Each structure stands twice: as C-alpha cells, then as structure tokens.
C-alpha cells in the first residue's frame, strides 16, 4: 500500500485547502510509490512549495510517507496494521475492537 503520484497530489491539495494533518493516523504504513523526480516535480513545480531538493531527497529516502506527513504539518503520525511486517507503529487486528486509547 502506498502513496502514488495522484495520492501525493491529493495530500498536497488537501493541505492547500486547509486540512489539518497535526494528528494523522494511517491504516497500514503507507509507502511512497513515486519516483524521486515525480516527488520533487509535484511538490515544487505543481504546488509551488519552496523546499530545496536536498530536503525532498531526505524526505523521499525514508521510503514511507511519515516524513511527508510531517512536512504537511503532522505532529503525530500513527500507523495501524494487522502485522508488524512494515513496522507499523501500532499492530492491530481490525477484526477486534481498537483499544480505547486510540479513540478520538
């Protein structure tokens, strides 16, 4: 699972529209499924963000989207997945109720 080029555009457009990413949770740990060139082009050229390429390369090098979400304003990024295969922050079987501490 992951963020492709259109998913990247969607997240950037959502941020431009005022979506608050400060507390973000993902179902599954989402990878970045774009090329570095696409990643840089969309952020810098299509959305006009003034961010240097070195910073984008560091964000991209993580292979997962947590750093992108932090760039978009996330203070907290949580990932929930059935297994810890992709090192999600919270392994959780969604056939079972989620722990109360994660409500809200």
C-alpha atoms as a PDB file:
ATOM      1  CA  UNK A   1       0.000   0.000   0.000  1.00  0.00           C
ATOM      2  CA  UNK A   2       1.159   3.475  -0.565  1.00  0.00           C
ATOM      3  CA  UNK A   3       1.022   6.955  -1.959  1.00  0.00           C
ATOM      4  CA  UNK A   4       1.272   7.195  -5.745  1.00  0.00           C
ATOM      5  CA  UNK A   5       1.635  10.431  -7.726  1.00  0.00           C
ATOM      6  CA  UNK A   6      -2.088  11.196  -7.576  1.00  0.00           C
ATOM      7  CA  UNK A   7      -2.208  10.397  -3.871  1.00  0.00           C
ATOM      8  CA  UNK A   8       0.651  12.871  -3.404  1.00  0.00           C
ATOM      9  CA  UNK A   9      -1.307  15.497  -5.321  1.00  0.00           C
ATOM     10  CA  UNK A  10      -4.378  14.766  -3.211  1.00  0.00           C
ATOM     11  CA  UNK A  11      -2.470  15.234   0.060  1.00  0.00           C
ATOM     12  CA  UNK A  12      -0.890  18.486  -1.145  1.00  0.00           C
ATOM     13  CA  UNK A  13      -4.247  19.790  -2.378  1.00  0.00           C
ATOM     14  CA  UNK A  14      -5.865  18.858   0.934  1.00  0.00           C
ATOM     15  CA  UNK A  15      -3.181  20.800   2.794  1.00  0.00           C
ATOM     16  CA  UNK A  16      -3.682  23.775   0.468  1.00  0.00           C
ATOM     17  CA  UNK A  17      -7.405  23.627   1.262  1.00  0.00           C
ATOM     18  CA  UNK A  18      -6.685  23.823   4.989  1.00  0.00           C
ATOM     19  CA  UNK A  19      -6.780  20.193   6.094  1.00  0.00           C
ATOM     20  CA  UNK A  20      -5.128  19.831   9.494  1.00  0.00           C
ATOM     21  CA  UNK A  21      -2.615  16.977   9.488  1.00  0.00           C
ATOM     22  CA  UNK A  22      -1.407  17.620  13.054  1.00  0.00           C
ATOM     23  CA  UNK A  23      -2.698  14.250  14.302  1.00  0.00           C
ATOM     24  CA  UNK A  24      -2.596  11.735  11.470  1.00  0.00           C
ATOM     25  CA  UNK A  25      -3.360   8.019  11.506  1.00  0.00           C
ATOM     26  CA  UNK A  26      -2.918   5.595   8.624  1.00  0.00           C
ATOM     27  CA  UNK A  27      -4.490   2.224   8.104  1.00  0.00           C
ATOM     28  CA  UNK A  28      -1.381   0.372   7.076  1.00  0.00           C
ATOM     29  CA  UNK A  29       2.005   2.014   6.890  1.00  0.00           C
ATOM     30  CA  UNK A  30       1.918   3.854   3.600  1.00  0.00           C
ATOM     31  CA  UNK A  31       4.972   3.759   1.377  1.00  0.00           C
ATOM     32  CA  UNK A  32       5.973   6.302  -1.232  1.00  0.00           C
ATOM     33  CA  UNK A  33       5.282   4.811  -4.660  1.00  0.00           C
ATOM     34  CA  UNK A  34       6.501   7.654  -6.857  1.00  0.00           C
ATOM     35  CA  UNK A  35       9.878   8.307  -8.398  1.00  0.00           C
ATOM     36  CA  UNK A  36      12.107  10.920  -6.821  1.00  0.00           C
ATOM     37  CA  UNK A  37      11.651  13.069  -9.925  1.00  0.00           C
ATOM     38  CA  UNK A  38       7.849  12.874  -9.662  1.00  0.00           C
ATOM     39  CA  UNK A  39       8.028  13.609  -5.935  1.00  0.00           C
ATOM     40  CA  UNK A  40      10.150  16.733  -6.467  1.00  0.00           C
ATOM     41  CA  UNK A  41       8.197  17.909  -9.506  1.00  0.00           C
ATOM     42  CA  UNK A  42       4.785  17.666  -7.867  1.00  0.00           C
ATOM     43  CA  UNK A  43       5.832  19.391  -4.646  1.00  0.00           C
ATOM     44  CA  UNK A  44       7.967  22.128  -6.183  1.00  0.00           C
ATOM     45  CA  UNK A  45       6.571  22.721  -9.660  1.00  0.00           C
ATOM     46  CA  UNK A  46       2.914  21.742  -9.483  1.00  0.00           C
ATOM     47  CA  UNK A  47       2.257  23.070  -5.969  1.00  0.00           C
ATOM     48  CA  UNK A  48       4.933  25.755  -5.815  1.00  0.00           C
ATOM     49  CA  UNK A  49       6.438  24.772  -2.475  1.00  0.00           C
ATOM     50  CA  UNK A  50       9.737  26.472  -1.767  1.00  0.00           C
ATOM     51  CA  UNK A  51      11.691  23.495  -0.500  1.00  0.00           C
ATOM     52  CA  UNK A  52      15.194  22.576  -1.552  1.00  0.00           C
ATOM     53  CA  UNK A  53      15.888  19.347  -3.376  1.00  0.00           C
ATOM     54  CA  UNK A  54      18.174  18.043  -0.608  1.00  0.00           C
ATOM     55  CA  UNK A  55      15.298  18.228   1.882  1.00  0.00           C
ATOM     56  CA  UNK A  56      12.997  16.466  -0.553  1.00  0.00           C
ATOM     57  CA  UNK A  57      15.595  13.759  -1.162  1.00  0.00           C
ATOM     58  CA  UNK A  58      15.893  13.173   2.595  1.00  0.00           C
ATOM     59  CA  UNK A  59      12.097  13.001   2.916  1.00  0.00           C
ATOM     60  CA  UNK A  60      11.895  10.605  -0.026  1.00  0.00           C
ATOM     61  CA  UNK A  61      14.742   8.382   1.197  1.00  0.00           C
ATOM     62  CA  UNK A  62      12.606   7.150   4.101  1.00  0.00           C
ATOM     63  CA  UNK A  63      10.515   5.112   1.597  1.00  0.00           C
ATOM     64  CA  UNK A  64       7.427   5.653   3.760  1.00  0.00           C
ATOM     65  CA  UNK A  65       5.239   8.724   3.993  1.00  0.00           C
ATOM     66  CA  UNK A  66       5.722   9.745   7.641  1.00  0.00           C
ATOM     67  CA  UNK A  67       8.214  12.490   6.745  1.00  0.00           C
ATOM     68  CA  UNK A  68       5.910  13.750   4.004  1.00  0.00           C
ATOM     69  CA  UNK A  69       3.067  13.934   6.523  1.00  0.00           C
ATOM     70  CA  UNK A  70       5.308  15.804   8.955  1.00  0.00           C
ATOM     71  CA  UNK A  71       6.160  18.204   6.143  1.00  0.00           C
ATOM     72  CA  UNK A  72       2.406  18.718   5.684  1.00  0.00           C
ATOM     73  CA  UNK A  73       2.089  19.626   9.358  1.00  0.00           C
ATOM     74  CA  UNK A  74       1.733  16.368  11.253  1.00  0.00           C
ATOM     75  CA  UNK A  75       2.997  16.469  14.826  1.00  0.00           C
ATOM     76  CA  UNK A  76       1.866  12.885  15.397  1.00  0.00           C
ATOM     77  CA  UNK A  77       1.850  10.131  12.779  1.00  0.00           C
ATOM     78  CA  UNK A  78       0.457   6.722  13.684  1.00  0.00           C
ATOM     79  CA  UNK A  79       0.105   3.642  11.522  1.00  0.00           C
ATOM     80  CA  UNK A  80      -2.138   0.701  12.319  1.00  0.00           C
ATOM     81  CA  UNK A  81      -1.668  -2.652  10.625  1.00  0.00           C
ATOM     82  CA  UNK A  82      -2.500  -6.268  11.312  1.00  0.00           C
ATOM     83  CA  UNK A  83       1.116  -7.341  11.264  1.00  0.00           C
ATOM     84  CA  UNK A  84       4.331  -5.544  12.069  1.00  0.00           C
ATOM     85  CA  UNK A  85       5.772  -6.532   8.670  1.00  0.00           C
ATOM     86  CA  UNK A  86       6.217  -2.880   7.654  1.00  0.00           C
ATOM     87  CA  UNK A  87       6.955  -1.738  11.202  1.00  0.00           C
ATOM     88  CA  UNK A  88       3.646  -0.009  11.774  1.00  0.00           C
ATOM     89  CA  UNK A  89       3.572   1.950  14.995  1.00  0.00           C
ATOM     90  CA  UNK A  90       0.543   0.008  16.276  1.00  0.00           C
ATOM     91  CA  UNK A  91      -0.048  -3.607  15.217  1.00  0.00           C
ATOM     92  CA  UNK A  92      -3.796  -4.114  15.412  1.00  0.00           C
ATOM     93  CA  UNK A  93      -6.172  -6.840  14.279  1.00  0.00           C
ATOM     94  CA  UNK A  94      -9.126  -4.903  12.874  1.00  0.00           C
ATOM     95  CA  UNK A  95     -11.315  -7.951  13.438  1.00  0.00           C
ATOM     96  CA  UNK A  96     -11.051  -6.923  17.087  1.00  0.00           C
ATOM     97  CA  UNK A  97     -12.073  -3.609  18.681  1.00  0.00           C
ATOM     98  CA  UNK A  98      -9.385  -0.961  18.675  1.00  0.00           C
ATOM     99  CA  UNK A  99      -8.046  -0.006  22.103  1.00  0.00           C
ATOM    100  CA  UNK A 100      -9.869   2.856  23.854  1.00  0.00           C
ATOM    101  CA  UNK A 101      -6.696   4.923  23.969  1.00  0.00           C
ATOM    102  CA  UNK A 102      -6.918   5.337  20.184  1.00  0.00           C
ATOM    103  CA  UNK A 103     -10.473   6.657  20.124  1.00  0.00           C
ATOM    104  CA  UNK A 104     -10.840  10.278  19.018  1.00  0.00           C
END
